[in-house]
Amino acid sequence: MGTPDAGAFWRVIQDHKVAAMFTAPTAFRAIKKEDPEGKLIGQYDLTHFRTLFLAGERSDPGTIKWAEAKLDRPVIDHWWQTETGWAISGNPVGLGAFAVKYGSPGKPMPGYDVQVLDDGGNPVSPGTLGNIVVKLPLPPSCFPTLWNAPDRFLSAYFEEFPGYYATSDAGIIDEEGRASCPPSADNRRQIQ
């Protein structure tokens, strides 16, 4: 059994009048496996619940569509890393959300100049798979170093592509400026 209680989220949302929840897609895949019809959702009062945010790894379109259908609420995918402190790419619900494009966490958030480079550090054309990087400087939310490892901080994140933060993720930026990671991409760390 992947989850001890497939209704735990719904109970918390009901009991605490949660308006928005932030969780990993893996949690929803586990809930979907245990309750594929979403019957447990109907046992709880979710009237205060407005939006589900998914992050932590790639959000596959099937999981997003399942959650949208069962919750009848917006499901917002976004991509970020522990190192960045907040979303690199997303859908700014509070600032005027744009239409969901399945398979993409959205557009770069304020402060991020997201680009895709080939292995030689050259920009690639829209829709071409490559290394997702962020042009420096990074926004204030990002990490300033690694604890007791300033040399590793520089070598791990900034030497491979000088002038850029290397996310260690592979993906594309489409013609609309939306980042995405095709499911077949050979990522070093899987993105949403």
Protein backbone atom coordinates (compact mmCIF):
# COMPACT_ATOMS: atom_id res chain seq x y z
CA MET A 1 0.00 0.00 0.00
CA GLY A 2 1.56 3.28 -1.16
CA THR A 3 -0.37 5.59 1.12
CA PRO A 4 -1.95 4.72 4.47
CA ASP A 5 -4.91 7.06 3.97
CA ALA A 6 -5.80 8.31 0.50
CA GLY A 7 -8.21 10.79 2.11
CA ALA A 8 -5.66 12.49 4.39
CA PHE A 9 -5.27 15.59 2.20
CA TRP A 10 -9.03 16.04 1.94
CA ARG A 11 -9.43 15.74 5.72
CA VAL A 12 -6.72 18.37 6.32
CA ILE A 13 -8.27 20.69 3.72
CA GLN A 14 -11.69 20.32 5.36
CA ASP A 15 -10.57 20.59 8.99
CA HIS A 16 -8.33 23.61 8.44
CA LYS A 17 -10.31 25.34 5.69
CA VAL A 18 -7.29 25.18 3.39
CA ALA A 19 -7.53 27.48 0.37
CA ALA A 20 -4.41 26.32 -1.49
CA MET A 21 -2.22 23.26 -1.16
CA PHE A 22 1.32 22.72 -2.34
CA THR A 23 2.51 19.12 -2.79
CA ALA A 24 4.47 16.78 -5.02
CA PRO A 25 2.89 14.99 -7.99
CA THR A 26 4.04 11.70 -6.44
CA ALA A 27 1.53 12.22 -3.63
CA PHE A 28 -1.27 12.51 -6.17
CA ARG A 29 -0.10 9.48 -8.10
CA ALA A 30 -0.27 7.52 -4.82
CA ILE A 31 -3.78 8.85 -4.07
CA LYS A 32 -4.90 8.07 -7.63
CA LYS A 33 -3.60 4.51 -7.27
CA GLU A 34 -5.51 3.94 -4.00
CA ASP A 35 -8.66 5.84 -5.00
CA PRO A 36 -8.76 5.96 -8.84
CA GLU A 37 -12.35 7.18 -8.95
CA GLY A 38 -11.68 9.92 -6.38
CA LYS A 39 -14.58 8.72 -4.24
CA LEU A 40 -12.91 9.82 -0.99
CA ILE A 41 -12.91 13.45 -2.15
CA GLY A 42 -16.70 13.55 -1.94
CA GLN A 43 -16.62 12.58 1.74
CA TYR A 44 -15.09 15.94 2.74
CA ASP A 45 -16.13 19.58 2.59
CA LEU A 46 -13.69 21.30 0.26
CA THR A 47 -15.66 24.51 -0.24
CA HIS A 48 -12.73 26.69 0.91
CA PHE A 49 -10.24 24.95 -1.36
CA ARG A 50 -9.33 27.02 -4.45
CA THR A 51 -6.07 25.79 -5.97
CA LEU A 52 -3.71 22.82 -6.00
CA PHE A 53 -0.04 23.53 -6.73
CA LEU A 54 2.27 20.69 -7.80
CA ALA A 55 6.08 20.75 -7.71
CA GLY A 56 9.06 18.67 -6.68
CA GLU A 57 9.36 16.59 -9.82
CA ARG A 58 7.86 16.49 -13.29
CA SER A 59 4.06 16.66 -13.17
CA ASP A 60 2.83 14.31 -15.84
CA PRO A 61 -0.25 15.47 -17.77
CA GLY A 62 -2.28 12.41 -16.68
CA THR A 63 -1.89 13.25 -12.99
CA ILE A 64 -2.75 16.91 -13.55
CA LYS A 65 -5.84 16.03 -15.60
CA TRP A 66 -6.97 13.47 -12.99
CA ALA A 67 -6.62 16.03 -10.18
CA GLU A 68 -8.44 18.71 -12.20
CA ALA A 69 -11.32 16.37 -12.98
CA LYS A 70 -11.70 14.99 -9.45
CA LEU A 71 -11.20 18.27 -7.58
CA ASP A 72 -12.90 20.60 -10.07
CA ARG A 73 -10.25 23.18 -9.18
CA PRO A 74 -7.24 24.65 -10.98
CA VAL A 75 -4.13 22.47 -10.75
CA ILE A 76 -0.99 24.54 -11.21
CA ASP A 77 2.29 22.90 -12.14
CA HIS A 78 5.52 24.75 -11.46
CA TRP A 79 9.23 24.01 -11.35
CA TRP A 80 11.79 25.09 -8.84
CA GLN A 81 14.69 23.72 -6.85
CA THR A 82 15.68 23.82 -3.21
CA GLU A 83 18.59 26.03 -4.28
CA THR A 84 16.28 28.67 -5.75
CA GLY A 85 13.87 29.08 -2.85
CA TRP A 86 10.84 29.60 -5.08
CA ALA A 87 9.49 28.85 -8.54
CA ILE A 88 11.82 29.29 -11.50
CA SER A 89 9.00 28.59 -13.93
CA GLY A 90 5.32 28.62 -13.10
CA ASN A 91 1.87 30.09 -13.52
CA PRO A 92 1.35 33.24 -11.40
CA VAL A 93 -2.21 32.60 -10.21
CA GLY A 94 -2.41 35.71 -8.06
CA LEU A 95 -1.04 37.95 -10.80
CA GLY A 96 -3.30 36.72 -13.58
CA ALA A 97 -2.90 33.09 -14.48
CA PHE A 98 -2.54 32.00 -18.07
CA ALA A 99 -3.98 28.84 -19.60
CA VAL A 100 -2.48 25.55 -18.45
CA LYS A 101 -0.32 23.81 -21.04
CA TYR A 102 0.03 20.17 -20.04
CA GLY A 103 3.65 19.07 -19.77
CA SER A 104 4.91 22.59 -19.00
CA PRO A 105 5.23 24.22 -15.59
CA GLY A 106 4.80 27.62 -17.21
CA LYS A 107 6.88 30.68 -17.93
CA PRO A 108 9.90 32.10 -16.10
CA MET A 109 8.97 33.87 -12.90
CA PRO A 110 10.20 37.41 -12.10
CA GLY A 111 13.95 37.53 -11.60
CA TYR A 112 14.75 34.49 -13.75
CA ASP A 113 16.23 34.64 -17.24
CA VAL A 114 15.75 30.97 -18.14
CA GLN A 115 17.57 29.71 -21.21
CA VAL A 116 18.43 26.38 -22.84
CA LEU A 117 22.00 25.73 -23.99
CA ASP A 118 23.65 22.89 -25.84
CA ASP A 119 26.54 21.03 -24.18
CA GLY A 120 28.98 23.59 -25.61
CA GLY A 121 27.15 26.49 -23.91
CA ASN A 122 25.45 27.81 -27.04
CA PRO A 123 21.77 28.85 -27.06
CA VAL A 124 19.43 26.45 -28.86
CA SER A 125 16.34 27.30 -30.87
CA PRO A 126 12.85 27.02 -29.32
CA GLY A 127 11.68 23.43 -28.94
CA THR A 128 15.21 22.01 -28.90
CA LEU A 129 16.21 19.83 -25.96
CA GLY A 130 19.22 21.07 -24.01
CA ASN A 131 20.55 22.13 -20.63
CA ILE A 132 18.23 24.42 -18.67
CA VAL A 133 20.24 27.30 -17.20
CA VAL A 134 19.51 30.64 -15.56
CA LYS A 135 21.49 33.67 -16.71
CA LEU A 136 23.17 35.48 -13.84
CA PRO A 137 22.47 37.30 -11.64
CA LEU A 138 20.11 35.08 -9.70
CA PRO A 139 17.18 36.66 -7.84
CA PRO A 140 17.54 37.34 -4.11
CA SER A 141 15.63 34.18 -3.15
CA CYS A 142 18.43 31.93 -4.40
CA PHE A 143 21.13 30.34 -2.32
CA PRO A 144 24.32 32.43 -1.86
CA THR A 145 26.67 29.46 -1.24
CA LEU A 146 26.86 25.91 0.11
CA TRP A 147 27.50 25.57 3.82
CA ASN A 148 31.23 25.07 4.44
CA ALA A 149 31.77 24.40 0.72
CA PRO A 150 32.28 27.64 -1.23
CA ASP A 151 34.54 25.99 -3.81
CA ARG A 152 32.02 23.19 -4.44
CA PHE A 153 29.29 25.84 -4.74
CA LEU A 154 31.17 27.46 -7.63
CA SER A 155 32.26 24.23 -9.34
CA ALA A 156 28.89 22.47 -9.08
CA TYR A 157 26.68 25.31 -10.26
CA PHE A 158 28.66 27.92 -12.19
CA GLU A 159 31.72 26.42 -13.95
CA GLU A 160 30.00 24.27 -16.59
CA PHE A 161 28.31 27.29 -18.22
CA PRO A 162 30.13 30.52 -17.23
CA GLY A 163 27.68 33.35 -16.60
CA TYR A 164 24.85 30.93 -15.85
CA TYR A 165 23.47 28.88 -12.97
CA ALA A 166 23.41 25.26 -14.20
CA THR A 167 20.19 23.63 -12.98
CA SER A 168 21.41 20.12 -13.90
CA ASP A 169 18.09 19.62 -15.69
CA ALA A 170 17.38 19.06 -19.35
CA GLY A 171 14.37 20.47 -21.14
CA ILE A 172 13.07 22.82 -23.79
CA ILE A 173 11.61 26.28 -24.03
CA ASP A 174 8.83 26.41 -26.60
CA GLU A 175 7.83 29.21 -28.96
CA GLU A 176 5.59 30.73 -26.23
CA GLY A 177 8.49 30.93 -23.76
CA ARG A 178 7.20 28.03 -21.65
CA ALA A 179 9.71 25.61 -20.19
CA SER A 180 9.04 21.89 -20.24
CA CYS A 181 10.73 18.58 -19.88
CA PRO A 182 9.73 15.88 -22.32
CA PRO A 183 9.14 12.58 -20.50
CA SER A 184 11.88 10.95 -22.57
CA ALA A 185 14.53 13.55 -21.71
CA ASP A 186 17.67 12.08 -20.17
CA ASN A 187 17.76 14.44 -17.18
CA ARG A 188 20.31 14.30 -14.46
CA ARG A 189 17.55 15.40 -12.11
CA GLN A 190 13.97 15.08 -13.29
CA ILE A 191 11.99 18.32 -13.61
CA GLN A 192 8.24 18.83 -13.76
